[in-house]
Amino acid sequence: MTWTDLLLAGLAGIWAGMINTVVGSGSLVTFPTLLALGLPPVMANTTNNIGLVAGGISGTVGMLPEVKALRHELIRLGPAALAGGIAGALLLLKLPSSAFDAIVPVLIAIGCVLVVLQPWLTSKMTARAEQLSAEGRPPPKRRSIWPVPMIALSSTYGGYFGAAQGLLHMAILGLAIPEEPWSRLNGLKNALALIINLTAAVVFVLVAPVSWPYVGALAVGSALGGLLGAKVGRKLPAVAYRIIIVVIGVIAIINLVLK
């Protein structure tokens, strides 16, 4: 390990911190970088997870107003993210990587499709609510329960590997809370991702192999990238989020299928 290696890891961390804060999939940059620098796959994965926690913190703090606006949703979905993060981290330590290789591209593809269809699905749900109201049967005001298990499942994947977990979360949140602007949903996504990554990081610190010099380089880089990403993410319109999510999702699928 040289100073050049640490610099490369830090630069990868800056990019990952930015893209994780805006959408997700920063691990598609940092994980291959750590592999190229000579770390074995499991150590690269655990090192990557711990190192990017700092970026999750800075990105969440950078979008704190958006997070506070949806704090009731964070309270509702946070426990599911916590449980999923623990489950995913334990799966990483118990299962071969091939166990998730087949399903991960499918999950990302489903997320992309949901993001593209979200405006159409939302309009259908709105039309149905208006129809019920016109018939004197107002729709129930309580939140649907389905996002909780869906967040738990996507969080399990996030604890296991993490690349594109933000994409899956944005797809779920966009359908579950369609009345909220995407900048707020992105802030909520960042807070949920922080819970997942921090939970998995605690597990990895206790029982998994970790390269601490690379953790430090990733932490410094991702913290800076998270702050930069928060400034960019707050200004993006909904259509820009959808385009970025789909593009990154396609790249992620190609990367995972051809690796």
C-alpha atoms as a PDB file:
ATOM      1  CA  MET A   1       0.000   0.000   0.000  1.00  0.00           C
ATOM      2  CA  THR A   2       1.395   3.397  -1.052  1.00  0.00           C
ATOM      3  CA  TRP A   3       0.315   7.008  -0.678  1.00  0.00           C
ATOM      4  CA  THR A   4      -0.793   6.864  -4.312  1.00  0.00           C
ATOM      5  CA  ASP A   5      -3.089   3.958  -3.459  1.00  0.00           C
ATOM      6  CA  LEU A   6      -4.610   5.917  -0.600  1.00  0.00           C
ATOM      7  CA  LEU A   7      -5.045   8.969  -2.846  1.00  0.00           C
ATOM      8  CA  LEU A   8      -6.866   6.884  -5.442  1.00  0.00           C
ATOM      9  CA  ALA A   9      -9.132   5.478  -2.758  1.00  0.00           C
ATOM     10  CA  GLY A  10      -9.826   8.993  -1.465  1.00  0.00           C
ATOM     11  CA  LEU A  11     -10.718  10.288  -4.939  1.00  0.00           C
ATOM     12  CA  ALA A  12     -13.036   7.333  -5.452  1.00  0.00           C
ATOM     13  CA  GLY A  13     -14.581   8.165  -2.075  1.00  0.00           C
ATOM     14  CA  ILE A  14     -15.313  11.757  -3.177  1.00  0.00           C
ATOM     15  CA  TRP A  15     -17.198  10.545  -6.226  1.00  0.00           C
ATOM     16  CA  ALA A  16     -19.019   7.864  -4.239  1.00  0.00           C
ATOM     17  CA  GLY A  17     -20.049  10.370  -1.561  1.00  0.00           C
ATOM     18  CA  MET A  18     -21.478  12.697  -4.190  1.00  0.00           C
ATOM     19  CA  ILE A  19     -23.381  10.077  -6.146  1.00  0.00           C
ATOM     20  CA  ASN A  20     -24.663   8.333  -3.003  1.00  0.00           C
ATOM     21  CA  THR A  21     -26.109  11.603  -1.734  1.00  0.00           C
ATOM     22  CA  VAL A  22     -27.757  12.433  -5.065  1.00  0.00           C
ATOM     23  CA  VAL A  23     -29.044   8.972  -5.975  1.00  0.00           C
ATOM     24  CA  GLY A  24     -26.907   6.008  -4.870  1.00  0.00           C
ATOM     25  CA  SER A  25     -24.588   3.394  -6.379  1.00  0.00           C
ATOM     26  CA  GLY A  26     -21.359   5.013  -5.215  1.00  0.00           C
ATOM     27  CA  SER A  27     -20.084   1.546  -4.295  1.00  0.00           C
ATOM     28  CA  LEU A  28     -19.916   0.757  -8.007  1.00  0.00           C
ATOM     29  CA  VAL A  29     -16.925   3.134  -8.008  1.00  0.00           C
ATOM     30  CA  THR A  30     -15.236   2.404  -4.690  1.00  0.00           C
ATOM     31  CA  PHE A  31     -15.678  -1.370  -4.504  1.00  0.00           C
ATOM     32  CA  PRO A  32     -13.937  -2.054  -7.869  1.00  0.00           C
ATOM     33  CA  THR A  33     -11.263   0.487  -6.907  1.00  0.00           C
ATOM     34  CA  LEU A  34     -10.463  -1.433  -3.728  1.00  0.00           C
ATOM     35  CA  LEU A  35     -10.363  -4.699  -5.675  1.00  0.00           C
ATOM     36  CA  ALA A  36      -7.961  -3.132  -8.177  1.00  0.00           C
ATOM     37  CA  LEU A  37      -5.769  -1.974  -5.272  1.00  0.00           C
ATOM     38  CA  GLY A  38      -5.399  -5.588  -4.177  1.00  0.00           C
ATOM     39  CA  LEU A  39      -7.966  -6.189  -1.447  1.00  0.00           C
ATOM     40  CA  PRO A  40      -9.801  -9.541  -1.479  1.00  0.00           C
ATOM     41  CA  PRO A  41     -13.551  -9.275  -2.206  1.00  0.00           C
ATOM     42  CA  VAL A  42     -14.938  -9.669   1.313  1.00  0.00           C
ATOM     43  CA  MET A  43     -12.406  -7.260   2.821  1.00  0.00           C
ATOM     44  CA  ALA A  44     -13.034  -4.797  -0.031  1.00  0.00           C
ATOM     45  CA  ASN A  45     -16.759  -4.954   0.681  1.00  0.00           C
ATOM     46  CA  THR A  46     -16.463  -4.458   4.446  1.00  0.00           C
ATOM     47  CA  THR A  47     -13.822  -1.740   4.056  1.00  0.00           C
ATOM     48  CA  ASN A  48     -15.982   0.018   1.496  1.00  0.00           C
ATOM     49  CA  ASN A  49     -19.044  -0.066   3.734  1.00  0.00           C
ATOM     50  CA  ILE A  50     -17.273   1.355   6.779  1.00  0.00           C
ATOM     51  CA  GLY A  51     -15.425   3.999   4.775  1.00  0.00           C
ATOM     52  CA  LEU A  52     -18.583   5.346   3.143  1.00  0.00           C
ATOM     53  CA  VAL A  53     -20.399   5.859   6.459  1.00  0.00           C
ATOM     54  CA  ALA A  54     -18.739   9.276   6.772  1.00  0.00           C
ATOM     55  CA  GLY A  55     -20.203  10.267   3.412  1.00  0.00           C
ATOM     56  CA  GLY A  56     -23.616   9.115   4.559  1.00  0.00           C
ATOM     57  CA  ILE A  57     -23.348  11.309   7.637  1.00  0.00           C
ATOM     58  CA  SER A  58     -22.258  14.415   5.725  1.00  0.00           C
ATOM     59  CA  GLY A  59     -24.869  13.845   3.006  1.00  0.00           C
ATOM     60  CA  THR A  60     -27.652  13.441   5.563  1.00  0.00           C
ATOM     61  CA  VAL A  61     -26.550  16.498   7.537  1.00  0.00           C
ATOM     62  CA  GLY A  62     -26.318  18.458   4.285  1.00  0.00           C
ATOM     63  CA  MET A  63     -29.983  17.674   3.556  1.00  0.00           C
ATOM     64  CA  LEU A  64     -31.207  17.889   7.146  1.00  0.00           C
ATOM     65  CA  PRO A  65     -34.153  20.208   6.347  1.00  0.00           C
ATOM     66  CA  GLU A  66     -35.486  17.617   3.899  1.00  0.00           C
ATOM     67  CA  VAL A  67     -34.976  14.845   6.442  1.00  0.00           C
ATOM     68  CA  LYS A  68     -36.778  16.803   9.173  1.00  0.00           C
ATOM     69  CA  ALA A  69     -39.716  17.439   6.846  1.00  0.00           C
ATOM     70  CA  LEU A  70     -40.241  13.664   6.602  1.00  0.00           C
ATOM     71  CA  ARG A  71     -39.150  12.687  10.111  1.00  0.00           C
ATOM     72  CA  HIS A  72     -42.468  10.879  10.671  1.00  0.00           C
ATOM     73  CA  GLU A  73     -41.624   8.613   7.728  1.00  0.00           C
ATOM     74  CA  LEU A  74     -38.099   8.133   9.047  1.00  0.00           C
ATOM     75  CA  ILE A  75     -39.553   7.002  12.388  1.00  0.00           C
ATOM     76  CA  ARG A  76     -41.862   4.595  10.540  1.00  0.00           C
ATOM     77  CA  LEU A  77     -39.302   3.142   8.117  1.00  0.00           C
ATOM     78  CA  GLY A  78     -36.118   3.466  10.175  1.00  0.00           C
ATOM     79  CA  PRO A  79     -36.596   0.236  12.178  1.00  0.00           C
ATOM     80  CA  ALA A  80     -37.054  -1.712   8.941  1.00  0.00           C
ATOM     81  CA  ALA A  81     -33.807  -0.240   7.607  1.00  0.00           C
ATOM     82  CA  LEU A  82     -32.042  -1.145  10.853  1.00  0.00           C
ATOM     83  CA  ALA A  83     -33.251  -4.753  10.758  1.00  0.00           C
ATOM     84  CA  GLY A  84     -32.389  -5.081   7.073  1.00  0.00           C
ATOM     85  CA  GLY A  85     -28.891  -3.690   7.594  1.00  0.00           C
ATOM     86  CA  ILE A  86     -28.160  -6.269  10.298  1.00  0.00           C
ATOM     87  CA  ALA A  87     -29.586  -9.114   8.213  1.00  0.00           C
ATOM     88  CA  GLY A  88     -27.598  -8.104   5.130  1.00  0.00           C
ATOM     89  CA  ALA A  89     -24.326  -7.804   7.019  1.00  0.00           C
ATOM     90  CA  LEU A  90     -24.773 -11.269   8.518  1.00  0.00           C
ATOM     91  CA  LEU A  91     -25.632 -12.704   5.090  1.00  0.00           C
ATOM     92  CA  LEU A  92     -22.397 -11.283   3.692  1.00  0.00           C
ATOM     93  CA  LEU A  93     -20.428 -13.158   6.312  1.00  0.00           C
ATOM     94  CA  LYS A  94     -22.369 -16.421   5.882  1.00  0.00           C
ATOM     95  CA  LEU A  95     -23.221 -16.769   2.181  1.00  0.00           C
ATOM     96  CA  PRO A  96     -21.069 -16.958  -0.969  1.00  0.00           C
ATOM     97  CA  SER A  97     -21.267 -13.901  -3.201  1.00  0.00           C
ATOM     98  CA  SER A  98     -22.855 -16.007  -5.934  1.00  0.00           C
ATOM     99  CA  ALA A  99     -26.007 -16.264  -3.805  1.00  0.00           C
ATOM    100  CA  PHE A 100     -26.946 -12.655  -4.574  1.00  0.00           C
ATOM    101  CA  ASP A 101     -25.275 -12.277  -7.995  1.00  0.00           C
ATOM    102  CA  ALA A 102     -28.321 -13.534  -9.887  1.00  0.00           C
ATOM    103  CA  ILE A 103     -30.958 -11.455  -8.089  1.00  0.00           C
ATOM    104  CA  VAL A 104     -29.130  -8.112  -7.765  1.00  0.00           C
ATOM    105  CA  PRO A 105     -29.404  -7.102 -11.469  1.00  0.00           C
ATOM    106  CA  VAL A 106     -33.097  -8.057 -11.385  1.00  0.00           C
ATOM    107  CA  LEU A 107     -33.702  -5.870  -8.312  1.00  0.00           C
ATOM    108  CA  ILE A 108     -31.972  -2.913  -9.927  1.00  0.00           C
ATOM    109  CA  ALA A 109     -33.967  -3.385 -13.144  1.00  0.00           C
ATOM    110  CA  ILE A 110     -37.224  -3.475 -11.162  1.00  0.00           C
ATOM    111  CA  GLY A 111     -36.188  -0.283  -9.392  1.00  0.00           C
ATOM    112  CA  CYS A 112     -35.522   1.478 -12.714  1.00  0.00           C
ATOM    113  CA  VAL A 113     -38.899   0.398 -14.089  1.00  0.00           C
ATOM    114  CA  LEU A 114     -40.703   1.619 -10.968  1.00  0.00           C
ATOM    115  CA  VAL A 115     -38.968   5.000 -11.164  1.00  0.00           C
ATOM    116  CA  VAL A 116     -39.967   5.403 -14.827  1.00  0.00           C
ATOM    117  CA  LEU A 117     -43.567   4.320 -14.171  1.00  0.00           C
ATOM    118  CA  GLN A 118     -43.960   6.288 -10.941  1.00  0.00           C
ATOM    119  CA  PRO A 119     -45.705   9.355 -12.516  1.00  0.00           C
ATOM    120  CA  TRP A 120     -48.168   7.081 -14.337  1.00  0.00           C
ATOM    121  CA  LEU A 121     -48.815   4.961 -11.242  1.00  0.00           C
ATOM    122  CA  THR A 122     -49.271   8.077  -9.129  1.00  0.00           C
ATOM    123  CA  SER A 123     -51.771   9.535 -11.586  1.00  0.00           C
ATOM    124  CA  LYS A 124     -53.735   6.274 -11.509  1.00  0.00           C
ATOM    125  CA  MET A 125     -53.808   6.282  -7.707  1.00  0.00           C
ATOM    126  CA  THR A 126     -54.864   9.956  -7.677  1.00  0.00           C
ATOM    127  CA  ALA A 127     -57.635   9.287 -10.194  1.00  0.00           C
ATOM    128  CA  ARG A 128     -58.880   6.386  -8.080  1.00  0.00           C
ATOM    129  CA  ALA A 129     -58.909   8.545  -4.956  1.00  0.00           C
ATOM    130  CA  GLU A 130     -60.858  11.265  -6.799  1.00  0.00           C
ATOM    131  CA  GLN A 131     -63.347   8.671  -8.050  1.00  0.00           C
ATOM    132  CA  LEU A 132     -63.923   7.349  -4.530  1.00  0.00           C
ATOM    133  CA  SER A 133     -64.361  10.884  -3.238  1.00  0.00           C
ATOM    134  CA  ALA A 134     -66.920  11.672  -5.970  1.00  0.00           C
ATOM    135  CA  GLU A 135     -68.844   8.555  -4.979  1.00  0.00           C
ATOM    136  CA  GLY A 136     -68.886   9.635  -1.366  1.00  0.00           C
ATOM    137  CA  ARG A 137     -66.317   7.058  -0.350  1.00  0.00           C
ATOM    138  CA  PRO A 138     -63.146   8.958   0.575  1.00  0.00           C
ATOM    139  CA  PRO A 139     -60.014   6.790   0.559  1.00  0.00           C
ATOM    140  CA  PRO A 140     -58.473   5.913   3.924  1.00  0.00           C
ATOM    141  CA  LYS A 141     -55.963   8.449   5.192  1.00  0.00           C
ATOM    142  CA  ARG A 142     -53.693   6.058   7.034  1.00  0.00           C
ATOM    143  CA  ARG A 143     -50.425   5.069   5.435  1.00  0.00           C
ATOM    144  CA  SER A 144     -50.155   1.766   3.631  1.00  0.00           C
ATOM    145  CA  ILE A 145     -48.011  -0.852   5.378  1.00  0.00           C
ATOM    146  CA  TRP A 146     -46.375  -2.290   2.243  1.00  0.00           C
ATOM    147  CA  PRO A 147     -43.372   0.142   2.181  1.00  0.00           C
ATOM    148  CA  VAL A 148     -42.146  -1.228   5.527  1.00  0.00           C
ATOM    149  CA  PRO A 149     -41.348  -4.798   4.348  1.00  0.00           C
ATOM    150  CA  MET A 150     -40.119  -3.453   1.009  1.00  0.00           C
ATOM    151  CA  ILE A 151     -37.657  -1.135   2.757  1.00  0.00           C
ATOM    152  CA  ALA A 152     -36.613  -4.052   4.979  1.00  0.00           C
ATOM    153  CA  LEU A 153     -35.850  -6.186   1.899  1.00  0.00           C
ATOM    154  CA  SER A 154     -33.965  -3.450   0.047  1.00  0.00           C
ATOM    155  CA  SER A 155     -32.077  -2.681   3.275  1.00  0.00           C
ATOM    156  CA  THR A 156     -31.049  -6.333   3.530  1.00  0.00           C
ATOM    157  CA  TYR A 157     -29.485  -5.979   0.094  1.00  0.00           C
ATOM    158  CA  GLY A 158     -27.928  -2.690   1.239  1.00  0.00           C
ATOM    159  CA  GLY A 159     -26.303  -4.359   4.230  1.00  0.00           C
ATOM    160  CA  TYR A 160     -25.060  -7.185   2.028  1.00  0.00           C
ATOM    161  CA  PHE A 161     -23.478  -5.104  -0.730  1.00  0.00           C
ATOM    162  CA  GLY A 162     -25.047  -1.648  -1.014  1.00  0.00           C
ATOM    163  CA  ALA A 163     -24.478  -0.657  -4.642  1.00  0.00           C
ATOM    164  CA  ALA A 164     -27.736   0.798  -6.034  1.00  0.00           C
ATOM    165  CA  GLN A 165     -29.580   0.459  -2.726  1.00  0.00           C
ATOM    166  CA  GLY A 166     -30.414   4.162  -3.028  1.00  0.00           C
ATOM    167  CA  LEU A 167     -32.016   3.501  -6.404  1.00  0.00           C
ATOM    168  CA  LEU A 168     -34.274   0.842  -4.895  1.00  0.00           C
ATOM    169  CA  HIS A 169     -35.166   3.067  -1.951  1.00  0.00           C
ATOM    170  CA  MET A 170     -36.063   5.999  -4.210  1.00  0.00           C
ATOM    171  CA  ALA A 171     -38.305   3.738  -6.300  1.00  0.00           C
ATOM    172  CA  ILE A 172     -40.124   2.530  -3.173  1.00  0.00           C
ATOM    173  CA  LEU A 173     -40.413   5.994  -1.611  1.00  0.00           C
ATOM    174  CA  GLY A 174     -41.602   7.544  -4.862  1.00  0.00           C
ATOM    175  CA  LEU A 175     -44.546   5.147  -4.918  1.00  0.00           C
ATOM    176  CA  ALA A 176     -45.188   5.182  -1.182  1.00  0.00           C
ATOM    177  CA  ILE A 177     -45.090   8.989  -0.725  1.00  0.00           C
ATOM    178  CA  PRO A 178     -45.942  10.388  -4.195  1.00  0.00           C
ATOM    179  CA  GLU A 179     -47.152  13.732  -2.839  1.00  0.00           C
ATOM    180  CA  GLU A 180     -43.676  14.706  -1.580  1.00  0.00           C
ATOM    181  CA  PRO A 181     -41.048  16.374  -3.816  1.00  0.00           C
ATOM    182  CA  TRP A 182     -38.141  14.185  -4.811  1.00  0.00           C
ATOM    183  CA  SER A 183     -35.632  16.377  -3.015  1.00  0.00           C
ATOM    184  CA  ARG A 184     -37.322  15.461   0.284  1.00  0.00           C
ATOM    185  CA  LEU A 185     -37.521  11.795  -0.690  1.00  0.00           C
ATOM    186  CA  ASN A 186     -33.808  11.943  -1.446  1.00  0.00           C
ATOM    187  CA  GLY A 187     -33.092  13.334   1.997  1.00  0.00           C
ATOM    188  CA  LEU A 188     -35.143  10.535   3.552  1.00  0.00           C
ATOM    189  CA  LYS A 189     -33.311   7.998   1.376  1.00  0.00           C
ATOM    190  CA  ASN A 190     -29.974   9.329   2.627  1.00  0.00           C
ATOM    191  CA  ALA A 191     -31.070   8.960   6.255  1.00  0.00           C
ATOM    192  CA  LEU A 192     -32.272   5.388   5.687  1.00  0.00           C
ATOM    193  CA  ALA A 193     -29.040   4.498   3.859  1.00  0.00           C
ATOM    194  CA  LEU A 194     -27.030   5.905   6.770  1.00  0.00           C
ATOM    195  CA  ILE A 195     -28.923   3.675   9.203  1.00  0.00           C
ATOM    196  CA  ILE A 196     -28.245   0.637   7.020  1.00  0.00           C
ATOM    197  CA  ASN A 197     -24.565   1.341   6.414  1.00  0.00           C
ATOM    198  CA  LEU A 198     -23.852   2.314  10.006  1.00  0.00           C
ATOM    199  CA  THR A 199     -25.562  -0.834  11.288  1.00  0.00           C
ATOM    200  CA  ALA A 200     -23.661  -3.071   8.883  1.00  0.00           C
ATOM    201  CA  ALA A 201     -20.421  -1.227   9.700  1.00  0.00           C
ATOM    202  CA  VAL A 202     -20.802  -2.046  13.405  1.00  0.00           C
ATOM    203  CA  VAL A 203     -21.171  -5.730  12.539  1.00  0.00           C
ATOM    204  CA  PHE A 204     -18.159  -5.633  10.224  1.00  0.00           C
ATOM    205  CA  VAL A 205     -15.959  -3.839  12.755  1.00  0.00           C
ATOM    206  CA  LEU A 206     -16.703  -6.542  15.305  1.00  0.00           C
ATOM    207  CA  VAL A 207     -16.308  -9.707  13.227  1.00  0.00           C
ATOM    208  CA  ALA A 208     -15.028  -9.045   9.683  1.00  0.00           C
ATOM    209  CA  PRO A 209     -11.625  -8.328   8.101  1.00  0.00           C
ATOM    210  CA  VAL A 210     -11.084  -4.604   7.414  1.00  0.00           C
ATOM    211  CA  SER A 211      -8.311  -2.490   5.869  1.00  0.00           C
ATOM    212  CA  TRP A 212      -8.249   0.559   8.133  1.00  0.00           C
ATOM    213  CA  PRO A 213      -5.904   2.755   6.046  1.00  0.00           C
ATOM    214  CA  TYR A 214      -8.342   2.484   3.127  1.00  0.00           C
ATOM    215  CA  VAL A 215     -11.245   3.089   5.484  1.00  0.00           C
ATOM    216  CA  GLY A 216      -9.618   6.390   6.453  1.00  0.00           C
ATOM    217  CA  ALA A 217      -9.051   7.424   2.828  1.00  0.00           C
ATOM    218  CA  LEU A 218     -12.620   6.564   1.851  1.00  0.00           C
ATOM    219  CA  ALA A 219     -14.023   8.317   4.913  1.00  0.00           C
ATOM    220  CA  VAL A 220     -12.261  11.621   4.173  1.00  0.00           C
ATOM    221  CA  GLY A 221     -13.182  11.497   0.492  1.00  0.00           C
ATOM    222  CA  SER A 222     -16.800  10.430   0.968  1.00  0.00           C
ATOM    223  CA  ALA A 223     -17.417  13.032   3.679  1.00  0.00           C
ATOM    224  CA  LEU A 224     -16.338  15.769   1.268  1.00  0.00           C
ATOM    225  CA  GLY A 225     -18.326  14.198  -1.560  1.00  0.00           C
ATOM    226  CA  GLY A 226     -21.420  13.925   0.627  1.00  0.00           C
ATOM    227  CA  LEU A 227     -21.398  17.652   1.359  1.00  0.00           C
ATOM    228  CA  LEU A 228     -20.968  18.462  -2.332  1.00  0.00           C
ATOM    229  CA  GLY A 229     -23.703  16.018  -3.294  1.00  0.00           C
ATOM    230  CA  ALA A 230     -26.148  17.567  -0.838  1.00  0.00           C
ATOM    231  CA  LYS A 231     -25.808  20.943  -2.551  1.00  0.00           C
ATOM    232  CA  VAL A 232     -26.411  19.376  -5.962  1.00  0.00           C
ATOM    233  CA  GLY A 233     -29.203  17.053  -4.852  1.00  0.00           C
ATOM    234  CA  ARG A 234     -31.294  19.832  -3.329  1.00  0.00           C
ATOM    235  CA  LYS A 235     -31.469  21.636  -6.677  1.00  0.00           C
ATOM    236  CA  LEU A 236     -32.394  18.730  -8.956  1.00  0.00           C
ATOM    237  CA  PRO A 237     -35.949  18.558 -10.394  1.00  0.00           C
ATOM    238  CA  ALA A 238     -37.871  15.270 -10.298  1.00  0.00           C
ATOM    239  CA  VAL A 239     -37.231  14.484 -13.968  1.00  0.00           C
ATOM    240  CA  ALA A 240     -33.477  14.864 -13.431  1.00  0.00           C
ATOM    241  CA  TYR A 241     -33.620  12.378 -10.549  1.00  0.00           C
ATOM    242  CA  ARG A 242     -35.432   9.877 -12.749  1.00  0.00           C
ATOM    243  CA  ILE A 243     -32.959  10.233 -15.602  1.00  0.00           C
ATOM    244  CA  ILE A 244     -29.929   9.891 -13.311  1.00  0.00           C
ATOM    245  CA  ILE A 245     -31.460   6.893 -11.526  1.00  0.00           C
ATOM    246  CA  VAL A 246     -32.207   5.046 -14.763  1.00  0.00           C
ATOM    247  CA  VAL A 247     -28.789   5.785 -16.287  1.00  0.00           C
ATOM    248  CA  ILE A 248     -26.964   4.661 -13.143  1.00  0.00           C
ATOM    249  CA  GLY A 249     -29.224   1.639 -12.874  1.00  0.00           C
ATOM    250  CA  VAL A 250     -28.419   0.513 -16.418  1.00  0.00           C
ATOM    251  CA  ILE A 251     -24.686   1.013 -15.791  1.00  0.00           C
ATOM    252  CA  ALA A 252     -24.984  -0.971 -12.553  1.00  0.00           C
ATOM    253  CA  ILE A 253     -26.749  -3.855 -14.299  1.00  0.00           C
ATOM    254  CA  ILE A 254     -24.141  -3.990 -17.079  1.00  0.00           C
ATOM    255  CA  ASN A 255     -21.319  -3.803 -14.547  1.00  0.00           C
ATOM    256  CA  LEU A 256     -22.754  -6.580 -12.391  1.00  0.00           C
ATOM    257  CA  VAL A 257     -23.671  -8.871 -15.295  1.00  0.00           C
ATOM    258  CA  LEU A 258     -20.300  -8.545 -17.046  1.00  0.00           C
ATOM    259  CA  LYS A 259     -18.076  -8.631 -13.958  1.00  0.00           C
END
